[in-house]
Amino acid sequence: MGLSDWSDRIVIAELTDEPLFSEDMDALNERLERTPDAQTPDVILDMRNVRRLNSSNIAQLIRIRKKMVHAGKRLRVCSVGDNVWSVLLTTNLDGLFTFNDDVATALASLQIEE
């Protein structure tokens, strides 16, 4: 995983399963905390390598979303597998996030909305 600056306004976070999921989300959270709201980038969470979520992971996702909403920036979640999708559906989080099929589609959706 890693945080990749796709541009000066878009960051892509490629996530993996625990324990790296928490570490990666903490790194993203720290970056967003250090950045003034006006300079906060839009974020794409690439979840193609995430096979399961636990309650801590869900809390981290919600925390990141809250920061993005507060900063007036956009968050996209993409490449969600069936196991993760079922957790999101069960917890009614499917309506809280904007989902895209893959990173390319997420990038396109952000660019179209500009």
N, C-alpha and C. Protein backbone atom coordinates (compact mmCIF):
# COMPACT_ATOMS: atom_id res chain seq x y z
N MET A 1 0.84 -1.18 0.00
CA MET A 1 0.00 0.00 0.00
C MET A 1 0.86 1.21 0.00
N GLY A 2 0.20 2.26 -0.20
CA GLY A 2 0.85 3.54 -0.12
C GLY A 2 -0.11 4.63 -0.49
N LEU A 3 0.32 5.82 -0.17
CA LEU A 3 -0.41 6.99 -0.59
C LEU A 3 0.29 7.53 -1.82
N SER A 4 -0.45 7.69 -2.89
CA SER A 4 0.12 8.19 -4.13
C SER A 4 -0.55 9.50 -4.49
N ASP A 5 0.26 10.50 -4.76
CA ASP A 5 -0.27 11.76 -5.25
C ASP A 5 -0.49 11.62 -6.74
N TRP A 6 -1.75 11.41 -7.14
CA TRP A 6 -2.03 11.30 -8.56
C TRP A 6 -1.89 12.66 -9.22
N SER A 7 -2.28 13.69 -8.48
CA SER A 7 -2.09 15.08 -8.90
C SER A 7 -1.99 15.89 -7.62
N ASP A 8 -1.87 17.20 -7.76
CA ASP A 8 -1.80 18.02 -6.56
C ASP A 8 -3.14 18.12 -5.84
N ARG A 9 -4.21 17.60 -6.48
CA ARG A 9 -5.55 17.66 -5.88
C ARG A 9 -6.19 16.31 -5.63
N ILE A 10 -5.49 15.21 -5.98
CA ILE A 10 -6.07 13.87 -5.79
C ILE A 10 -5.01 12.94 -5.21
N VAL A 11 -5.38 12.26 -4.13
CA VAL A 11 -4.52 11.24 -3.51
C VAL A 11 -5.21 9.90 -3.63
N ILE A 12 -4.44 8.88 -4.01
CA ILE A 12 -4.96 7.52 -4.08
C ILE A 12 -4.31 6.72 -2.96
N ALA A 13 -5.15 6.10 -2.14
CA ALA A 13 -4.68 5.23 -1.06
C ALA A 13 -4.98 3.79 -1.45
N GLU A 14 -3.94 3.02 -1.70
CA GLU A 14 -4.11 1.61 -2.04
C GLU A 14 -4.05 0.81 -0.74
N LEU A 15 -5.19 0.28 -0.35
CA LEU A 15 -5.32 -0.38 0.95
C LEU A 15 -5.16 -1.90 0.83
N THR A 16 -4.75 -2.51 1.93
CA THR A 16 -4.64 -3.96 2.03
C THR A 16 -5.27 -4.40 3.35
N ASP A 17 -5.28 -5.70 3.60
CA ASP A 17 -5.86 -6.22 4.84
C ASP A 17 -5.03 -5.84 6.05
N GLU A 18 -5.62 -6.08 7.22
CA GLU A 18 -4.93 -5.86 8.49
C GLU A 18 -3.65 -6.68 8.54
N PRO A 19 -2.64 -6.23 9.22
CA PRO A 19 -2.58 -5.01 10.02
C PRO A 19 -2.27 -3.75 9.22
N LEU A 20 -1.96 -3.90 7.96
CA LEU A 20 -1.58 -2.75 7.14
C LEU A 20 -2.73 -1.79 6.89
N PHE A 21 -3.96 -2.29 6.86
CA PHE A 21 -5.11 -1.42 6.64
C PHE A 21 -5.11 -0.29 7.67
N SER A 22 -4.99 -0.63 8.94
CA SER A 22 -5.01 0.38 10.00
C SER A 22 -3.84 1.34 9.87
N GLU A 23 -2.67 0.81 9.57
CA GLU A 23 -1.50 1.67 9.42
C GLU A 23 -1.66 2.63 8.24
N ASP A 24 -2.19 2.12 7.15
CA ASP A 24 -2.39 2.95 5.96
C ASP A 24 -3.44 4.03 6.22
N MET A 25 -4.50 3.67 6.88
CA MET A 25 -5.55 4.64 7.19
C MET A 25 -5.04 5.68 8.19
N ASP A 26 -4.21 5.25 9.14
CA ASP A 26 -3.61 6.20 10.08
C ASP A 26 -2.72 7.20 9.34
N ALA A 27 -1.94 6.71 8.37
CA ALA A 27 -1.07 7.59 7.59
C ALA A 27 -1.90 8.60 6.80
N LEU A 28 -2.99 8.14 6.20
CA LEU A 28 -3.88 9.04 5.46
C LEU A 28 -4.51 10.06 6.41
N ASN A 29 -4.97 9.58 7.54
CA ASN A 29 -5.58 10.46 8.54
C ASN A 29 -4.60 11.54 8.99
N GLU A 30 -3.36 11.16 9.27
CA GLU A 30 -2.34 12.12 9.70
C GLU A 30 -2.09 13.15 8.61
N ARG A 31 -2.02 12.70 7.39
CA ARG A 31 -1.80 13.63 6.27
C ARG A 31 -2.95 14.64 6.17
N LEU A 32 -4.17 14.15 6.29
CA LEU A 32 -5.32 15.05 6.21
C LEU A 32 -5.36 16.01 7.40
N GLU A 33 -4.94 15.54 8.56
CA GLU A 33 -4.90 16.40 9.75
C GLU A 33 -3.91 17.54 9.59
N ARG A 34 -2.79 17.27 8.93
CA ARG A 34 -1.73 18.28 8.74
C ARG A 34 -2.04 19.28 7.63
N THR A 35 -3.02 18.96 6.81
CA THR A 35 -3.32 19.79 5.64
C THR A 35 -4.48 20.72 5.93
N PRO A 36 -4.31 22.02 5.67
CA PRO A 36 -5.45 22.94 5.85
C PRO A 36 -6.62 22.53 4.95
N ASP A 37 -7.84 22.76 5.41
CA ASP A 37 -9.04 22.35 4.67
C ASP A 37 -9.00 22.78 3.20
N ALA A 38 -8.57 24.00 2.95
CA ALA A 38 -8.56 24.51 1.57
C ALA A 38 -7.60 23.75 0.67
N GLN A 39 -6.60 23.11 1.26
CA GLN A 39 -5.60 22.38 0.48
C GLN A 39 -5.78 20.87 0.55
N THR A 40 -6.80 20.43 1.24
CA THR A 40 -7.06 19.00 1.36
C THR A 40 -7.37 18.43 -0.03
N PRO A 41 -6.70 17.35 -0.40
CA PRO A 41 -6.97 16.75 -1.71
C PRO A 41 -8.22 15.88 -1.66
N ASP A 42 -8.79 15.63 -2.83
CA ASP A 42 -9.81 14.59 -2.93
C ASP A 42 -9.10 13.26 -2.73
N VAL A 43 -9.80 12.25 -2.25
CA VAL A 43 -9.18 10.97 -1.92
C VAL A 43 -9.92 9.82 -2.59
N ILE A 44 -9.14 8.90 -3.13
CA ILE A 44 -9.68 7.65 -3.66
C ILE A 44 -9.12 6.53 -2.80
N LEU A 45 -10.01 5.73 -2.23
CA LEU A 45 -9.60 4.55 -1.47
C LEU A 45 -9.73 3.33 -2.37
N ASP A 46 -8.60 2.78 -2.77
CA ASP A 46 -8.56 1.60 -3.63
C ASP A 46 -8.55 0.37 -2.74
N MET A 47 -9.66 -0.36 -2.75
CA MET A 47 -9.82 -1.49 -1.83
C MET A 47 -9.72 -2.85 -2.52
N ARG A 48 -9.08 -2.89 -3.67
CA ARG A 48 -9.01 -4.16 -4.42
C ARG A 48 -8.26 -5.25 -3.66
N ASN A 49 -7.37 -4.89 -2.73
CA ASN A 49 -6.61 -5.88 -1.97
C ASN A 49 -7.15 -6.10 -0.56
N VAL A 50 -8.31 -5.54 -0.27
CA VAL A 50 -8.93 -5.70 1.06
C VAL A 50 -9.94 -6.84 0.97
N ARG A 51 -9.75 -7.84 1.80
CA ARG A 51 -10.63 -9.01 1.77
C ARG A 51 -11.67 -9.01 2.88
N ARG A 52 -11.41 -8.25 3.96
CA ARG A 52 -12.36 -8.20 5.07
C ARG A 52 -12.18 -6.89 5.85
N LEU A 53 -13.25 -6.50 6.53
CA LEU A 53 -13.22 -5.31 7.37
C LEU A 53 -13.64 -5.69 8.78
N ASN A 54 -13.03 -5.05 9.77
CA ASN A 54 -13.48 -5.23 11.14
C ASN A 54 -14.05 -3.90 11.63
N SER A 55 -14.51 -3.86 12.85
CA SER A 55 -15.16 -2.65 13.37
C SER A 55 -14.20 -1.48 13.43
N SER A 56 -12.94 -1.73 13.72
CA SER A 56 -11.94 -0.67 13.75
C SER A 56 -11.73 -0.08 12.36
N ASN A 57 -11.71 -0.95 11.34
CA ASN A 57 -11.57 -0.48 9.96
C ASN A 57 -12.75 0.40 9.57
N ILE A 58 -13.94 -0.02 9.94
CA ILE A 58 -15.14 0.74 9.63
C ILE A 58 -15.08 2.11 10.29
N ALA A 59 -14.63 2.16 11.55
CA ALA A 59 -14.50 3.44 12.26
C ALA A 59 -13.49 4.34 11.54
N GLN A 60 -12.41 3.76 11.05
CA GLN A 60 -11.42 4.56 10.32
C GLN A 60 -12.00 5.12 9.02
N LEU A 61 -12.77 4.32 8.31
CA LEU A 61 -13.41 4.79 7.08
C LEU A 61 -14.35 5.96 7.37
N ILE A 62 -15.14 5.83 8.42
CA ILE A 62 -16.08 6.88 8.78
C ILE A 62 -15.33 8.15 9.21
N ARG A 63 -14.23 7.99 9.93
CA ARG A 63 -13.43 9.13 10.36
C ARG A 63 -12.86 9.90 9.16
N ILE A 64 -12.35 9.16 8.18
CA ILE A 64 -11.82 9.79 6.97
C ILE A 64 -12.94 10.51 6.23
N ARG A 65 -14.08 9.87 6.12
CA ARG A 65 -15.22 10.51 5.43
C ARG A 65 -15.60 11.81 6.13
N LYS A 66 -15.65 11.80 7.45
CA LYS A 66 -16.00 12.99 8.21
C LYS A 66 -15.03 14.13 7.92
N LYS A 67 -13.74 13.82 7.87
CA LYS A 67 -12.74 14.85 7.57
C LYS A 67 -12.93 15.41 6.16
N MET A 68 -13.24 14.53 5.22
CA MET A 68 -13.41 14.97 3.84
C MET A 68 -14.64 15.87 3.72
N VAL A 69 -15.73 15.49 4.36
CA VAL A 69 -16.95 16.29 4.33
C VAL A 69 -16.68 17.65 4.97
N HIS A 70 -15.99 17.65 6.10
CA HIS A 70 -15.68 18.90 6.80
C HIS A 70 -14.83 19.83 5.92
N ALA A 71 -13.92 19.26 5.17
CA ALA A 71 -13.04 20.06 4.29
C ALA A 71 -13.73 20.42 2.97
N GLY A 72 -14.91 19.85 2.72
CA GLY A 72 -15.60 20.12 1.47
C GLY A 72 -14.97 19.42 0.28
N LYS A 73 -14.33 18.30 0.54
CA LYS A 73 -13.64 17.54 -0.51
C LYS A 73 -14.38 16.23 -0.78
N ARG A 74 -13.96 15.56 -1.84
CA ARG A 74 -14.66 14.35 -2.28
C ARG A 74 -13.86 13.10 -1.93
N LEU A 75 -14.59 12.05 -1.60
CA LEU A 75 -14.02 10.75 -1.28
C LEU A 75 -14.67 9.71 -2.16
N ARG A 76 -13.86 8.88 -2.78
CA ARG A 76 -14.37 7.77 -3.59
C ARG A 76 -13.78 6.47 -3.04
N VAL A 77 -14.61 5.45 -3.01
CA VAL A 77 -14.18 4.11 -2.61
C VAL A 77 -14.35 3.23 -3.84
N CYS A 78 -13.30 2.50 -4.20
CA CYS A 78 -13.40 1.71 -5.43
C CYS A 78 -12.84 0.30 -5.25
N SER A 79 -13.17 -0.52 -6.21
CA SER A 79 -12.68 -1.90 -6.30
C SER A 79 -13.01 -2.71 -5.05
N VAL A 80 -14.25 -2.59 -4.60
CA VAL A 80 -14.69 -3.28 -3.39
C VAL A 80 -15.09 -4.72 -3.74
N GLY A 81 -14.47 -5.67 -3.05
CA GLY A 81 -14.77 -7.08 -3.26
C GLY A 81 -16.07 -7.49 -2.59
N ASP A 82 -16.53 -8.68 -2.91
CA ASP A 82 -17.81 -9.17 -2.40
C ASP A 82 -17.86 -9.24 -0.87
N ASN A 83 -16.80 -9.73 -0.23
CA ASN A 83 -16.80 -9.84 1.23
C ASN A 83 -16.92 -8.48 1.91
N VAL A 84 -16.17 -7.52 1.39
CA VAL A 84 -16.21 -6.17 1.95
C VAL A 84 -17.56 -5.53 1.64
N TRP A 85 -18.04 -5.73 0.44
CA TRP A 85 -19.33 -5.15 0.05
C TRP A 85 -20.45 -5.65 0.96
N SER A 86 -20.42 -6.94 1.31
CA SER A 86 -21.47 -7.48 2.17
C SER A 86 -21.41 -6.84 3.56
N VAL A 87 -20.22 -6.54 4.06
CA VAL A 87 -20.10 -5.85 5.35
C VAL A 87 -20.66 -4.44 5.24
N LEU A 88 -20.35 -3.76 4.16
CA LEU A 88 -20.85 -2.40 3.97
C LEU A 88 -22.38 -2.39 3.85
N LEU A 89 -22.93 -3.37 3.18
CA LEU A 89 -24.39 -3.47 3.06
C LEU A 89 -25.03 -3.77 4.42
N THR A 90 -24.45 -4.71 5.14
CA THR A 90 -24.98 -5.13 6.44
C THR A 90 -24.99 -3.97 7.44
N THR A 91 -23.97 -3.13 7.36
CA THR A 91 -23.85 -2.01 8.31
C THR A 91 -24.49 -0.72 7.77
N ASN A 92 -25.16 -0.83 6.63
CA ASN A 92 -25.82 0.32 5.98
C ASN A 92 -24.86 1.44 5.62
N LEU A 93 -23.60 1.10 5.38
CA LEU A 93 -22.62 2.10 4.98
C LEU A 93 -22.56 2.28 3.47
N ASP A 94 -23.30 1.45 2.75
CA ASP A 94 -23.30 1.56 1.29
C ASP A 94 -23.87 2.90 0.83
N GLY A 95 -24.71 3.52 1.64
CA GLY A 95 -25.27 4.81 1.28
C GLY A 95 -24.46 5.99 1.78
N LEU A 96 -23.45 5.73 2.58
CA LEU A 96 -22.63 6.79 3.17
C LEU A 96 -21.48 7.20 2.27
N PHE A 97 -21.02 6.28 1.43
CA PHE A 97 -19.86 6.51 0.58
C PHE A 97 -20.27 6.51 -0.89
N THR A 98 -19.44 7.12 -1.72
CA THR A 98 -19.62 7.06 -3.16
C THR A 98 -18.66 6.01 -3.69
N PHE A 99 -19.19 5.04 -4.42
CA PHE A 99 -18.39 3.91 -4.90
C PHE A 99 -18.19 3.98 -6.40
N ASN A 100 -17.04 3.49 -6.83
CA ASN A 100 -16.73 3.34 -8.25
C ASN A 100 -16.15 1.94 -8.45
N ASP A 101 -16.24 1.47 -9.69
CA ASP A 101 -15.77 0.12 -10.00
C ASP A 101 -14.27 -0.04 -9.84
N ASP A 102 -13.50 0.97 -10.25
CA ASP A 102 -12.04 0.87 -10.20
C ASP A 102 -11.45 2.27 -10.09
N VAL A 103 -10.12 2.33 -9.98
CA VAL A 103 -9.44 3.62 -9.80
C VAL A 103 -9.67 4.52 -11.00
N ALA A 104 -9.58 3.97 -12.21
CA ALA A 104 -9.76 4.79 -13.41
C ALA A 104 -11.13 5.45 -13.44
N THR A 105 -12.15 4.70 -13.07
CA THR A 105 -13.50 5.25 -13.03
C THR A 105 -13.64 6.30 -11.93
N ALA A 106 -13.00 6.06 -10.80
CA ALA A 106 -13.03 7.04 -9.70
C ALA A 106 -12.34 8.34 -10.12
N LEU A 107 -11.20 8.22 -10.77
CA LEU A 107 -10.50 9.40 -11.27
C LEU A 107 -11.35 10.17 -12.27
N ALA A 108 -11.97 9.44 -13.18
CA ALA A 108 -12.82 10.08 -14.18
C ALA A 108 -14.00 10.79 -13.52
N SER A 109 -14.60 10.16 -12.51
CA SER A 109 -15.75 10.78 -11.86
C SER A 109 -15.35 12.07 -11.14
N LEU A 110 -14.17 12.09 -10.53
CA LEU A 110 -13.69 13.31 -9.88
C LEU A 110 -13.42 14.41 -10.88
N GLN A 111 -12.84 14.03 -12.01
CA GLN A 111 -12.51 15.04 -13.03
C GLN A 111 -13.76 15.58 -13.70
N ILE A 112 -14.75 14.73 -13.92
CA ILE A 112 -15.99 15.17 -14.56
C ILE A 112 -16.74 16.15 -13.66
N GLU A 113 -16.70 15.92 -12.36
CA GLU A 113 -17.43 16.77 -11.41
C GLU A 113 -16.80 18.15 -11.22
N GLU A 114 -15.60 18.35 -11.70
CA GLU A 114 -14.92 19.64 -11.47
C GLU A 114 -15.54 20.75 -12.22
